Amino acid sequence: MRTDVVIIGAGPVGLACAIEIQRKGLTCVTIDKGALVNSLTGYPTNMEFFSTPDLIEIGGHPLVSSRYKPIREEAIDYYRRVAEREELTLLLYERVVDLKGDEGAYHVETSKRTISCAAVVVATGFFDQPNRLGVPGEDLPKVSHYFREAFAYTGRDVCIIGGKNSAAIAALQCHRRGARVTLVYRGPDISPKVKYWIQPDLVNRIAEGSITAHFNAQVTAIREDTLGIHTPDGDIDIPNDVVLAMTGYHPDYTLFETFGIDVESDEAETPVFDPATYETNKKGLFIAGTVCGGRRTSRWFIENGRHHATLIASNLAKRLLARKD
């Protein structure tokens, strides 16, 4: 299989890259190891985006929503329709395992085939790589780093680990579905990054005792029916049936290493790239979207990451179309 450009990651930014590259007269294939916009399918059911529709649109296609801010299901269906309308070539549920060659003669090896191309764009996001707790029992079946919906937790002892938006949403939804919720956060209070319309609700639930919260605390051990917590007042064990570790995520650094993408020695482990073109230290290999921030996953998101597509497509068009001529 041969194409001009291979895009790895079929999330909103990867799709935006595919659209802009095709509009420049180049061919491209978009690969994802999961579903179309796979990270969005893992978001909580009926989750409301923090952005208005116009800020997460791609390719100039309007996202029509009956709400001021669209919900997860509307966004997923929107990106599906955009991909169909733009007639993008998608290879879903196909994992990229290796990259060989150099600019102009890359070979992308997947779990099913080898694709030859001139350039590669990595837009894999970070949602598939959770930050682990590193405590005994983390691999027990009752532990999850993802939260979809709370109905299964009615009448159960649920511990939410974290104090930012994902943790706040999970804690409130589980409480309202009849779970006994305990929040454990290493910070001194709910993070100031929690959205202003969510934070008061959580603070009030904690104040009235509906949700138990332990701050400046961390989980030390996870067991079948209890949870060990280290708090400023000492170590305690609490009854526990479910652990939702909302501890954040990070890019796939194994993939970076396999591809030969250098990483800065800074705390964020930021991948090396040219901010004017988003080309990495390897010629013809680009990155786009949230992976550009390394472990600073809040630096890039759909709103600003989608604009990487235009810069990358323009750069590739100048190089590859000139060679074709």
C-alpha atoms as a PDB file:
ATOM      1  CA  MET A   1       0.000   0.000   0.000  1.00  0.00           C
ATOM      2  CA  ARG A   2       1.365   3.426  -0.959  1.00  0.00           C
ATOM      3  CA  THR A   3       0.287   6.978  -0.138  1.00  0.00           C
ATOM      4  CA  ASP A   4       1.850  10.427   0.236  1.00  0.00           C
ATOM      5  CA  VAL A   5       1.229  10.804   3.970  1.00  0.00           C
ATOM      6  CA  VAL A   6       0.314   8.453   6.809  1.00  0.00           C
ATOM      7  CA  ILE A   7      -1.464   9.970   9.805  1.00  0.00           C
ATOM      8  CA  ILE A   8      -1.347   7.966  13.020  1.00  0.00           C
ATOM      9  CA  GLY A   9      -4.360   8.726  15.192  1.00  0.00           C
ATOM     10  CA  ALA A  10      -7.949   9.216  14.030  1.00  0.00           C
ATOM     11  CA  GLY A  11      -8.973  11.703  16.695  1.00  0.00           C
ATOM     12  CA  PRO A  12     -10.253  15.215  15.886  1.00  0.00           C
ATOM     13  CA  VAL A  13      -6.732  16.587  15.248  1.00  0.00           C
ATOM     14  CA  GLY A  14      -5.718  13.597  13.137  1.00  0.00           C
ATOM     15  CA  LEU A  15      -8.884  13.993  11.059  1.00  0.00           C
ATOM     16  CA  ALA A  16      -8.206  17.739  10.689  1.00  0.00           C
ATOM     17  CA  CYS A  17      -4.726  16.906   9.372  1.00  0.00           C
ATOM     18  CA  ALA A  18      -6.156  14.408   6.883  1.00  0.00           C
ATOM     19  CA  ILE A  19      -8.677  16.951   5.602  1.00  0.00           C
ATOM     20  CA  GLU A  20      -6.125  19.722   5.094  1.00  0.00           C
ATOM     21  CA  ILE A  21      -3.564  17.406   3.502  1.00  0.00           C
ATOM     22  CA  GLN A  22      -6.111  16.034   1.023  1.00  0.00           C
ATOM     23  CA  ARG A  23      -7.217  19.555   0.149  1.00  0.00           C
ATOM     24  CA  LYS A  24      -3.634  20.324  -0.831  1.00  0.00           C
ATOM     25  CA  GLY A  25      -3.821  17.599  -3.482  1.00  0.00           C
ATOM     26  CA  LEU A  26      -1.939  14.932  -1.556  1.00  0.00           C
ATOM     27  CA  THR A  27      -3.093  11.429  -0.697  1.00  0.00           C
ATOM     28  CA  CYS A  28      -3.171  10.220   2.880  1.00  0.00           C
ATOM     29  CA  VAL A  29      -4.217   7.304   5.038  1.00  0.00           C
ATOM     30  CA  THR A  30      -5.298   7.701   8.676  1.00  0.00           C
ATOM     31  CA  ILE A  31      -4.656   4.793  11.036  1.00  0.00           C
ATOM     32  CA  ASP A  32      -5.969   4.186  14.545  1.00  0.00           C
ATOM     33  CA  LYS A  33      -5.609   1.210  16.864  1.00  0.00           C
ATOM     34  CA  GLY A  34      -9.178   1.779  18.039  1.00  0.00           C
ATOM     35  CA  ALA A  35     -12.405   3.363  16.881  1.00  0.00           C
ATOM     36  CA  LEU A  36     -12.859   6.633  15.051  1.00  0.00           C
ATOM     37  CA  VAL A  37     -12.219   9.417  17.611  1.00  0.00           C
ATOM     38  CA  ASN A  38     -11.400   6.615  20.024  1.00  0.00           C
ATOM     39  CA  SER A  39     -10.649   8.871  23.013  1.00  0.00           C
ATOM     40  CA  LEU A  40     -14.088  10.493  22.769  1.00  0.00           C
ATOM     41  CA  THR A  41     -15.764   7.092  22.893  1.00  0.00           C
ATOM     42  CA  GLY A  42     -14.085   6.652  26.284  1.00  0.00           C
ATOM     43  CA  TYR A  43     -15.498   9.889  27.706  1.00  0.00           C
ATOM     44  CA  PRO A  44     -18.387   9.754  30.206  1.00  0.00           C
ATOM     45  CA  THR A  45     -21.840   9.215  28.707  1.00  0.00           C
ATOM     46  CA  ASN A  46     -23.531  12.531  27.873  1.00  0.00           C
ATOM     47  CA  MET A  47     -20.422  14.450  28.957  1.00  0.00           C
ATOM     48  CA  GLU A  48     -20.662  18.130  28.085  1.00  0.00           C
ATOM     49  CA  PHE A  49     -17.653  19.626  26.326  1.00  0.00           C
ATOM     50  CA  PHE A  50     -16.012  22.639  27.909  1.00  0.00           C
ATOM     51  CA  SER A  51     -15.896  24.295  24.456  1.00  0.00           C
ATOM     52  CA  THR A  52     -18.660  25.721  22.311  1.00  0.00           C
ATOM     53  CA  PRO A  53     -19.366  23.952  18.967  1.00  0.00           C
ATOM     54  CA  ASP A  54     -17.426  26.396  16.792  1.00  0.00           C
ATOM     55  CA  LEU A  55     -14.216  25.788  18.747  1.00  0.00           C
ATOM     56  CA  ILE A  56     -14.081  22.050  18.062  1.00  0.00           C
ATOM     57  CA  GLU A  57     -15.139  22.149  14.412  1.00  0.00           C
ATOM     58  CA  ILE A  58     -12.725  20.886  11.750  1.00  0.00           C
ATOM     59  CA  GLY A  59     -12.496  21.424   8.023  1.00  0.00           C
ATOM     60  CA  GLY A  60     -15.001  24.266   8.071  1.00  0.00           C
ATOM     61  CA  HIS A  61     -17.900  21.880   8.715  1.00  0.00           C
ATOM     62  CA  PRO A  62     -20.423  23.316  11.195  1.00  0.00           C
ATOM     63  CA  LEU A  63     -21.196  21.325  14.334  1.00  0.00           C
ATOM     64  CA  VAL A  64     -24.909  21.802  14.897  1.00  0.00           C
ATOM     65  CA  SER A  65     -25.976  21.293  18.513  1.00  0.00           C
ATOM     66  CA  SER A  66     -29.160  22.034  20.409  1.00  0.00           C
ATOM     67  CA  ARG A  67     -26.999  23.058  23.373  1.00  0.00           C
ATOM     68  CA  TYR A  68     -24.651  25.929  24.132  1.00  0.00           C
ATOM     69  CA  LYS A  69     -21.945  23.291  24.546  1.00  0.00           C
ATOM     70  CA  PRO A  70     -22.194  19.967  22.700  1.00  0.00           C
ATOM     71  CA  ILE A  71     -22.213  16.621  24.462  1.00  0.00           C
ATOM     72  CA  ARG A  72     -20.024  13.601  23.757  1.00  0.00           C
ATOM     73  CA  GLU A  73     -22.545  11.819  21.515  1.00  0.00           C
ATOM     74  CA  GLU A  74     -23.087  14.880  19.319  1.00  0.00           C
ATOM     75  CA  ALA A  75     -19.335  15.342  18.854  1.00  0.00           C
ATOM     76  CA  ILE A  76     -18.688  11.692  18.001  1.00  0.00           C
ATOM     77  CA  ASP A  77     -21.444  11.719  15.383  1.00  0.00           C
ATOM     78  CA  TYR A  78     -20.167  15.047  14.015  1.00  0.00           C
ATOM     79  CA  TYR A  79     -16.632  13.755  13.438  1.00  0.00           C
ATOM     80  CA  ARG A  80     -18.032  10.592  11.842  1.00  0.00           C
ATOM     81  CA  ARG A  81     -20.088  12.615   9.393  1.00  0.00           C
ATOM     82  CA  VAL A  82     -17.150  14.900   8.585  1.00  0.00           C
ATOM     83  CA  ALA A  83     -14.907  11.901   7.863  1.00  0.00           C
ATOM     84  CA  GLU A  84     -17.558  10.454   5.547  1.00  0.00           C
ATOM     85  CA  ARG A  85     -18.173  13.737   3.740  1.00  0.00           C
ATOM     86  CA  GLU A  86     -14.456  14.305   3.196  1.00  0.00           C
ATOM     87  CA  GLU A  87     -14.090  10.677   2.021  1.00  0.00           C
ATOM     88  CA  LEU A  88     -11.106  10.089   4.258  1.00  0.00           C
ATOM     89  CA  THR A  89      -9.266   6.786   3.984  1.00  0.00           C
ATOM     90  CA  LEU A  90      -9.397   5.232   7.443  1.00  0.00           C
ATOM     91  CA  LEU A  91      -7.767   2.069   8.777  1.00  0.00           C
ATOM     92  CA  LEU A  92      -9.378   1.503  12.173  1.00  0.00           C
ATOM     93  CA  TYR A  93      -8.553  -1.137  14.792  1.00  0.00           C
ATOM     94  CA  GLU A  94      -5.110  -1.412  13.233  1.00  0.00           C
ATOM     95  CA  ARG A  95      -2.058  -0.817  15.416  1.00  0.00           C
ATOM     96  CA  VAL A  96       1.136   0.819  14.133  1.00  0.00           C
ATOM     97  CA  VAL A  97       4.085  -1.253  15.348  1.00  0.00           C
ATOM     98  CA  ASP A  98       7.132   0.236  13.608  1.00  0.00           C
ATOM     99  CA  LEU A  99       8.439   2.958  11.336  1.00  0.00           C
ATOM    100  CA  LYS A 100      11.368   2.393   9.015  1.00  0.00           C
ATOM    101  CA  GLY A 101      13.148   4.491   6.410  1.00  0.00           C
ATOM    102  CA  ASP A 102      13.574   8.226   6.054  1.00  0.00           C
ATOM    103  CA  GLU A 103      11.823  11.254   4.573  1.00  0.00           C
ATOM    104  CA  GLY A 104      10.477  10.448   1.140  1.00  0.00           C
ATOM    105  CA  ALA A 105      10.777   6.711   1.713  1.00  0.00           C
ATOM    106  CA  TYR A 106       9.093   5.819   4.998  1.00  0.00           C
ATOM    107  CA  HIS A 107       7.556   2.412   5.624  1.00  0.00           C
ATOM    108  CA  VAL A 108       4.851   2.273   8.286  1.00  0.00           C
ATOM    109  CA  GLU A 109       4.368  -1.233   9.610  1.00  0.00           C
ATOM    110  CA  THR A 110       0.993  -2.017  11.154  1.00  0.00           C
ATOM    111  CA  SER A 111      -0.536  -5.131  12.631  1.00  0.00           C
ATOM    112  CA  LYS A 112      -1.975  -5.918   9.183  1.00  0.00           C
ATOM    113  CA  ARG A 113       0.233  -4.416   6.450  1.00  0.00           C
ATOM    114  CA  THR A 114       3.135  -2.205   5.393  1.00  0.00           C
ATOM    115  CA  ILE A 115       2.392   1.249   3.982  1.00  0.00           C
ATOM    116  CA  SER A 116       4.978   3.204   2.002  1.00  0.00           C
ATOM    117  CA  CYS A 117       4.804   6.992   2.229  1.00  0.00           C
ATOM    118  CA  ALA A 118       6.850  10.171   1.983  1.00  0.00           C
ATOM    119  CA  ALA A 119       5.875  11.653   5.355  1.00  0.00           C
ATOM    120  CA  VAL A 120       4.203  10.725   8.636  1.00  0.00           C
ATOM    121  CA  VAL A 121       2.092  12.710  11.102  1.00  0.00           C
ATOM    122  CA  VAL A 122       1.715  11.436  14.680  1.00  0.00           C
ATOM    123  CA  ALA A 123      -1.540  12.660  16.256  1.00  0.00           C
ATOM    124  CA  THR A 124      -2.083   9.936  18.826  1.00  0.00           C
ATOM    125  CA  GLY A 125      -3.171  12.053  21.801  1.00  0.00           C
ATOM    126  CA  PHE A 126      -2.622  10.639  25.279  1.00  0.00           C
ATOM    127  CA  PHE A 127      -5.885   9.114  26.521  1.00  0.00           C
ATOM    128  CA  ASP A 128      -4.711   5.497  26.113  1.00  0.00           C
ATOM    129  CA  GLN A 129      -1.739   5.928  28.470  1.00  0.00           C
ATOM    130  CA  PRO A 130      -2.953   6.486  32.081  1.00  0.00           C
ATOM    131  CA  ASN A 131      -0.627   7.708  34.807  1.00  0.00           C
ATOM    132  CA  ARG A 132      -0.344   4.713  37.108  1.00  0.00           C
ATOM    133  CA  LEU A 133      -0.487   4.911  40.884  1.00  0.00           C
ATOM    134  CA  GLY A 134       2.372   2.502  41.445  1.00  0.00           C
ATOM    135  CA  VAL A 135       0.769   0.848  44.490  1.00  0.00           C
ATOM    136  CA  PRO A 136       0.038  -2.798  45.348  1.00  0.00           C
ATOM    137  CA  GLY A 137      -3.297  -3.948  43.971  1.00  0.00           C
ATOM    138  CA  GLU A 138      -3.500  -1.445  41.124  1.00  0.00           C
ATOM    139  CA  ASP A 139      -4.093  -4.263  38.629  1.00  0.00           C
ATOM    140  CA  LEU A 140      -7.118  -5.653  40.464  1.00  0.00           C
ATOM    141  CA  PRO A 141     -10.272  -5.814  38.290  1.00  0.00           C
ATOM    142  CA  LYS A 142     -12.025  -3.244  40.469  1.00  0.00           C
ATOM    143  CA  VAL A 143      -9.545  -0.514  39.462  1.00  0.00           C
ATOM    144  CA  SER A 144     -10.123   1.638  36.380  1.00  0.00           C
ATOM    145  CA  HIS A 145      -8.378   4.720  35.016  1.00  0.00           C
ATOM    146  CA  TYR A 146     -11.483   5.576  33.001  1.00  0.00           C
ATOM    147  CA  PHE A 147     -15.024   6.587  33.920  1.00  0.00           C
ATOM    148  CA  ARG A 148     -17.960   6.127  31.549  1.00  0.00           C
ATOM    149  CA  GLU A 149     -21.097   6.189  33.719  1.00  0.00           C
ATOM    150  CA  ALA A 150     -22.128   5.657  37.332  1.00  0.00           C
ATOM    151  CA  PHE A 151     -25.147   3.344  37.139  1.00  0.00           C
ATOM    152  CA  ALA A 152     -23.083   0.222  37.910  1.00  0.00           C
ATOM    153  CA  TYR A 153     -21.872   1.718  41.188  1.00  0.00           C
ATOM    154  CA  THR A 154     -25.211   2.186  42.963  1.00  0.00           C
ATOM    155  CA  GLY A 155     -24.947   1.062  46.587  1.00  0.00           C
ATOM    156  CA  ARG A 156     -21.179   0.489  46.358  1.00  0.00           C
ATOM    157  CA  ASP A 157     -18.169   2.045  48.100  1.00  0.00           C
ATOM    158  CA  VAL A 158     -16.386   3.995  45.377  1.00  0.00           C
ATOM    159  CA  CYS A 159     -13.051   5.789  45.758  1.00  0.00           C
ATOM    160  CA  ILE A 160     -12.233   8.543  43.283  1.00  0.00           C
ATOM    161  CA  ILE A 161      -8.524   9.364  43.121  1.00  0.00           C
ATOM    162  CA  GLY A 162      -7.762  12.882  41.884  1.00  0.00           C
ATOM    163  CA  GLY A 163      -8.998  16.426  42.337  1.00  0.00           C
ATOM    164  CA  LYS A 164      -9.370  17.890  38.854  1.00  0.00           C
ATOM    165  CA  ASN A 165     -12.216  17.933  36.336  1.00  0.00           C
ATOM    166  CA  SER A 166     -12.409  14.206  35.574  1.00  0.00           C
ATOM    167  CA  ALA A 167     -12.363  13.300  39.260  1.00  0.00           C
ATOM    168  CA  ALA A 168     -14.950  15.962  40.114  1.00  0.00           C
ATOM    169  CA  ILE A 169     -17.356  14.791  37.410  1.00  0.00           C
ATOM    170  CA  ALA A 170     -16.956  11.135  38.408  1.00  0.00           C
ATOM    171  CA  ALA A 171     -17.456  11.894  42.111  1.00  0.00           C
ATOM    172  CA  LEU A 172     -20.634  13.915  41.527  1.00  0.00           C
ATOM    173  CA  GLN A 173     -22.174  11.422  39.103  1.00  0.00           C
ATOM    174  CA  CYS A 174     -21.404   8.434  41.334  1.00  0.00           C
ATOM    175  CA  HIS A 175     -22.892  10.234  44.348  1.00  0.00           C
ATOM    176  CA  ARG A 176     -26.071  11.034  42.412  1.00  0.00           C
ATOM    177  CA  ARG A 177     -26.426   7.411  41.326  1.00  0.00           C
ATOM    178  CA  GLY A 178     -26.415   6.182  44.919  1.00  0.00           C
ATOM    179  CA  ALA A 179     -22.763   5.284  45.445  1.00  0.00           C
ATOM    180  CA  ARG A 180     -20.918   5.963  48.708  1.00  0.00           C
ATOM    181  CA  VAL A 181     -18.129   8.185  47.425  1.00  0.00           C
ATOM    182  CA  THR A 182     -14.732   8.896  48.920  1.00  0.00           C
ATOM    183  CA  LEU A 183     -12.432  11.370  47.174  1.00  0.00           C
ATOM    184  CA  VAL A 184      -8.666  11.083  47.708  1.00  0.00           C
ATOM    185  CA  TYR A 185      -6.424  13.876  46.419  1.00  0.00           C
ATOM    186  CA  ARG A 186      -2.771  14.634  47.020  1.00  0.00           C
ATOM    187  CA  GLY A 187      -3.401  18.389  46.876  1.00  0.00           C
ATOM    188  CA  PRO A 188      -4.591  20.576  49.778  1.00  0.00           C
ATOM    189  CA  ASP A 189      -8.001  21.244  48.208  1.00  0.00           C
ATOM    190  CA  ILE A 190     -10.023  20.762  45.032  1.00  0.00           C
ATOM    191  CA  SER A 191      -7.885  21.941  42.124  1.00  0.00           C
ATOM    192  CA  PRO A 192      -8.553  25.534  40.989  1.00  0.00           C
ATOM    193  CA  LYS A 193      -8.553  24.111  37.438  1.00  0.00           C
ATOM    194  CA  VAL A 194     -11.938  22.489  38.051  1.00  0.00           C
ATOM    195  CA  LYS A 195     -14.489  24.342  35.927  1.00  0.00           C
ATOM    196  CA  TYR A 196     -16.352  27.092  37.741  1.00  0.00           C
ATOM    197  CA  TRP A 197     -19.786  25.504  37.293  1.00  0.00           C
ATOM    198  CA  ILE A 198     -18.587  22.123  38.658  1.00  0.00           C
ATOM    199  CA  GLN A 199     -16.443  23.199  41.597  1.00  0.00           C
ATOM    200  CA  PRO A 200     -19.181  24.704  43.862  1.00  0.00           C
ATOM    201  CA  ASP A 201     -21.294  21.582  43.471  1.00  0.00           C
ATOM    202  CA  LEU A 202     -18.459  19.320  44.613  1.00  0.00           C
ATOM    203  CA  VAL A 203     -17.387  21.649  47.431  1.00  0.00           C
ATOM    204  CA  ASN A 204     -20.944  21.758  48.767  1.00  0.00           C
ATOM    205  CA  ARG A 205     -21.350  17.976  48.607  1.00  0.00           C
ATOM    206  CA  ILE A 206     -18.142  17.590  50.598  1.00  0.00           C
ATOM    207  CA  ALA A 207     -19.193  20.263  53.105  1.00  0.00           C
ATOM    208  CA  GLU A 208     -22.554  18.594  53.771  1.00  0.00           C
ATOM    209  CA  GLY A 209     -20.909  15.183  54.161  1.00  0.00           C
ATOM    210  CA  SER A 210     -22.497  13.566  51.101  1.00  0.00           C
ATOM    211  CA  ILE A 211     -19.017  12.934  49.689  1.00  0.00           C
ATOM    212  CA  THR A 212     -16.088  12.129  51.981  1.00  0.00           C
ATOM    213  CA  ALA A 213     -12.826  13.836  50.981  1.00  0.00           C
ATOM    214  CA  HIS A 214      -9.235  13.267  52.085  1.00  0.00           C
ATOM    215  CA  PHE A 215      -6.803  15.999  51.000  1.00  0.00           C
ATOM    216  CA  ASN A 216      -3.003  15.912  51.170  1.00  0.00           C
ATOM    217  CA  ALA A 217      -3.559  12.168  50.980  1.00  0.00           C
ATOM    218  CA  GLN A 218      -2.615   9.282  48.757  1.00  0.00           C
ATOM    219  CA  VAL A 219      -3.567   5.662  48.255  1.00  0.00           C
ATOM    220  CA  THR A 220      -0.970   3.229  49.600  1.00  0.00           C
ATOM    221  CA  ALA A 221      -2.581  -0.130  48.856  1.00  0.00           C
ATOM    222  CA  ILE A 222      -5.621  -1.521  47.056  1.00  0.00           C
ATOM    223  CA  ARG A 223      -7.175  -4.729  48.358  1.00  0.00           C
ATOM    224  CA  GLU A 224     -10.225  -6.788  47.413  1.00  0.00           C
ATOM    225  CA  ASP A 225     -12.584  -5.044  49.837  1.00  0.00           C
ATOM    226  CA  THR A 226     -10.560  -2.235  51.442  1.00  0.00           C
ATOM    227  CA  LEU A 227      -8.291   0.631  50.511  1.00  0.00           C
ATOM    228  CA  GLY A 228      -5.231   1.882  52.372  1.00  0.00           C
ATOM    229  CA  ILE A 229      -4.817   5.671  52.504  1.00  0.00           C
ATOM    230  CA  HIS A 230      -2.023   7.791  53.952  1.00  0.00           C
ATOM    231  CA  THR A 231      -3.427  11.054  55.357  1.00  0.00           C
ATOM    232  CA  PRO A 232      -1.972  13.896  57.445  1.00  0.00           C
ATOM    233  CA  ASP A 233      -3.658  12.255  60.435  1.00  0.00           C
ATOM    234  CA  GLY A 234      -2.076   8.875  59.782  1.00  0.00           C
ATOM    235  CA  ASP A 235      -2.766   5.715  57.785  1.00  0.00           C
ATOM    236  CA  ILE A 236      -6.340   4.494  57.533  1.00  0.00           C
ATOM    237  CA  ASP A 237      -8.221   1.650  55.834  1.00  0.00           C
ATOM    238  CA  ILE A 238     -11.650   2.227  54.337  1.00  0.00           C
ATOM    239  CA  PRO A 239     -14.250  -0.153  52.847  1.00  0.00           C
ATOM    240  CA  ASN A 240     -13.975  -0.198  49.083  1.00  0.00           C
ATOM    241  CA  ASP A 241     -15.589  -1.932  46.105  1.00  0.00           C
ATOM    242  CA  VAL A 242     -14.447   0.266  43.187  1.00  0.00           C
ATOM    243  CA  VAL A 243     -11.445   2.506  42.512  1.00  0.00           C
ATOM    244  CA  LEU A 244     -11.631   5.146  39.772  1.00  0.00           C
ATOM    245  CA  ALA A 245      -8.114   6.522  39.373  1.00  0.00           C
ATOM    246  CA  MET A 246      -8.594   9.856  37.615  1.00  0.00           C
ATOM    247  CA  THR A 247      -4.852  10.554  37.747  1.00  0.00           C
ATOM    248  CA  GLY A 248      -4.316  11.825  34.230  1.00  0.00           C
ATOM    249  CA  TYR A 249      -2.652  10.467  31.124  1.00  0.00           C
ATOM    250  CA  HIS A 250       0.511  10.864  29.057  1.00  0.00           C
ATOM    251  CA  PRO A 251       1.683  10.337  25.462  1.00  0.00           C
ATOM    252  CA  ASP A 252       3.011   6.987  24.279  1.00  0.00           C
ATOM    253  CA  TYR A 253       6.746   7.464  24.845  1.00  0.00           C
ATOM    254  CA  THR A 254       7.442   3.925  23.644  1.00  0.00           C
ATOM    255  CA  LEU A 255       6.105   4.985  20.250  1.00  0.00           C
ATOM    256  CA  PHE A 256       8.315   8.088  20.296  1.00  0.00           C
ATOM    257  CA  GLU A 257      11.339   5.924  21.018  1.00  0.00           C
ATOM    258  CA  THR A 258      10.434   3.440  18.298  1.00  0.00           C
ATOM    259  CA  PHE A 259      10.060   6.244  15.770  1.00  0.00           C
ATOM    260  CA  GLY A 260      13.244   8.015  16.860  1.00  0.00           C
ATOM    261  CA  ILE A 261      11.530  11.177  18.114  1.00  0.00           C
ATOM    262  CA  ASP A 262      13.798  12.925  20.615  1.00  0.00           C
ATOM    263  CA  VAL A 263      12.394  14.146  23.940  1.00  0.00           C
ATOM    264  CA  GLU A 264      13.500  17.202  25.900  1.00  0.00           C
ATOM    265  CA  SER A 265      15.019  16.706  29.350  1.00  0.00           C
ATOM    266  CA  ASP A 266      12.438  19.037  30.897  1.00  0.00           C
ATOM    267  CA  GLU A 267       9.917  17.925  33.504  1.00  0.00           C
ATOM    268  CA  ALA A 268       7.195  17.632  30.868  1.00  0.00           C
ATOM    269  CA  GLU A 269       9.326  15.343  28.659  1.00  0.00           C
ATOM    270  CA  THR A 270       8.278  17.433  25.675  1.00  0.00           C
ATOM    271  CA  PRO A 271       8.961  15.872  22.271  1.00  0.00           C
ATOM    272  CA  VAL A 272      11.401  17.804  20.098  1.00  0.00           C
ATOM    273  CA  PHE A 273       9.721  19.652  17.228  1.00  0.00           C
ATOM    274  CA  ASP A 274       9.889  22.885  15.255  1.00  0.00           C
ATOM    275  CA  PRO A 275       7.041  25.129  16.502  1.00  0.00           C
ATOM    276  CA  ALA A 276       6.775  26.735  13.079  1.00  0.00           C
ATOM    277  CA  THR A 277       6.164  23.477  11.204  1.00  0.00           C
ATOM    278  CA  TYR A 278       5.598  20.799  13.894  1.00  0.00           C
ATOM    279  CA  GLU A 279       8.296  18.681  12.277  1.00  0.00           C
ATOM    280  CA  THR A 280      10.279  16.571  14.735  1.00  0.00           C
ATOM    281  CA  ASN A 281      14.023  15.938  14.763  1.00  0.00           C
ATOM    282  CA  LYS A 282      13.361  13.342  12.037  1.00  0.00           C
ATOM    283  CA  LYS A 283      12.790  14.929   8.637  1.00  0.00           C
ATOM    284  CA  GLY A 284       9.350  14.238   7.255  1.00  0.00           C
ATOM    285  CA  LEU A 285       7.992  13.108  10.626  1.00  0.00           C
ATOM    286  CA  PHE A 286       5.522  15.525  12.246  1.00  0.00           C
ATOM    287  CA  ILE A 287       3.488  15.606  15.455  1.00  0.00           C
ATOM    288  CA  ALA A 288       0.135  17.312  16.016  1.00  0.00           C
ATOM    289  CA  GLY A 289      -2.295  17.924  18.844  1.00  0.00           C
ATOM    290  CA  THR A 290      -1.888  17.060  22.493  1.00  0.00           C
ATOM    291  CA  VAL A 291       1.254  14.927  22.033  1.00  0.00           C
ATOM    292  CA  CYS A 292       3.147  18.169  21.406  1.00  0.00           C
ATOM    293  CA  GLY A 293       2.881  19.053  25.105  1.00  0.00           C
ATOM    294  CA  GLY A 294       4.409  15.851  26.439  1.00  0.00           C
ATOM    295  CA  ARG A 295       3.222  15.346  29.997  1.00  0.00           C
ATOM    296  CA  ARG A 296       1.717  18.861  30.004  1.00  0.00           C
ATOM    297  CA  THR A 297      -1.485  17.454  28.570  1.00  0.00           C
ATOM    298  CA  SER A 298      -3.496  20.605  29.230  1.00  0.00           C
ATOM    299  CA  ARG A 299      -1.361  22.710  26.893  1.00  0.00           C
ATOM    300  CA  TRP A 300      -2.957  21.467  23.678  1.00  0.00           C
ATOM    301  CA  PHE A 301      -6.496  20.263  23.041  1.00  0.00           C
ATOM    302  CA  ILE A 302      -8.996  20.236  20.163  1.00  0.00           C
ATOM    303  CA  GLU A 303      -9.477  24.019  20.168  1.00  0.00           C
ATOM    304  CA  ASN A 304      -5.858  24.902  19.422  1.00  0.00           C
ATOM    305  CA  GLY A 305      -4.498  21.528  18.276  1.00  0.00           C
ATOM    306  CA  ARG A 306      -6.742  21.482  15.187  1.00  0.00           C
ATOM    307  CA  HIS A 307      -4.787  24.472  13.815  1.00  0.00           C
ATOM    308  CA  HIS A 308      -1.623  22.367  13.625  1.00  0.00           C
ATOM    309  CA  ALA A 309      -3.235  20.706  10.606  1.00  0.00           C
ATOM    310  CA  THR A 310      -3.026  23.794   8.404  1.00  0.00           C
ATOM    311  CA  LEU A 311       0.664  24.397   9.148  1.00  0.00           C
ATOM    312  CA  ILE A 312       1.616  20.769   8.586  1.00  0.00           C
ATOM    313  CA  ALA A 313      -0.408  20.472   5.368  1.00  0.00           C
ATOM    314  CA  SER A 314       1.095  23.653   3.909  1.00  0.00           C
ATOM    315  CA  ASN A 315       4.620  22.478   4.677  1.00  0.00           C
ATOM    316  CA  LEU A 316       4.022  19.038   3.184  1.00  0.00           C
ATOM    317  CA  ALA A 317       2.424  20.461   0.054  1.00  0.00           C
ATOM    318  CA  LYS A 318       5.470  22.625  -0.662  1.00  0.00           C
ATOM    319  CA  ARG A 319       7.810  19.662  -0.338  1.00  0.00           C
ATOM    320  CA  LEU A 320       5.879  16.787  -1.841  1.00  0.00           C
ATOM    321  CA  LEU A 321       4.115  18.528  -4.709  1.00  0.00           C
ATOM    322  CA  ALA A 322       7.420  20.034  -5.813  1.00  0.00           C
ATOM    323  CA  ARG A 323       8.913  16.541  -5.982  1.00  0.00           C
ATOM    324  CA  LYS A 324       5.970  15.258  -8.007  1.00  0.00           C
ATOM    325  CA  ASP A 325       6.426  18.076 -10.522  1.00  0.00           C
END
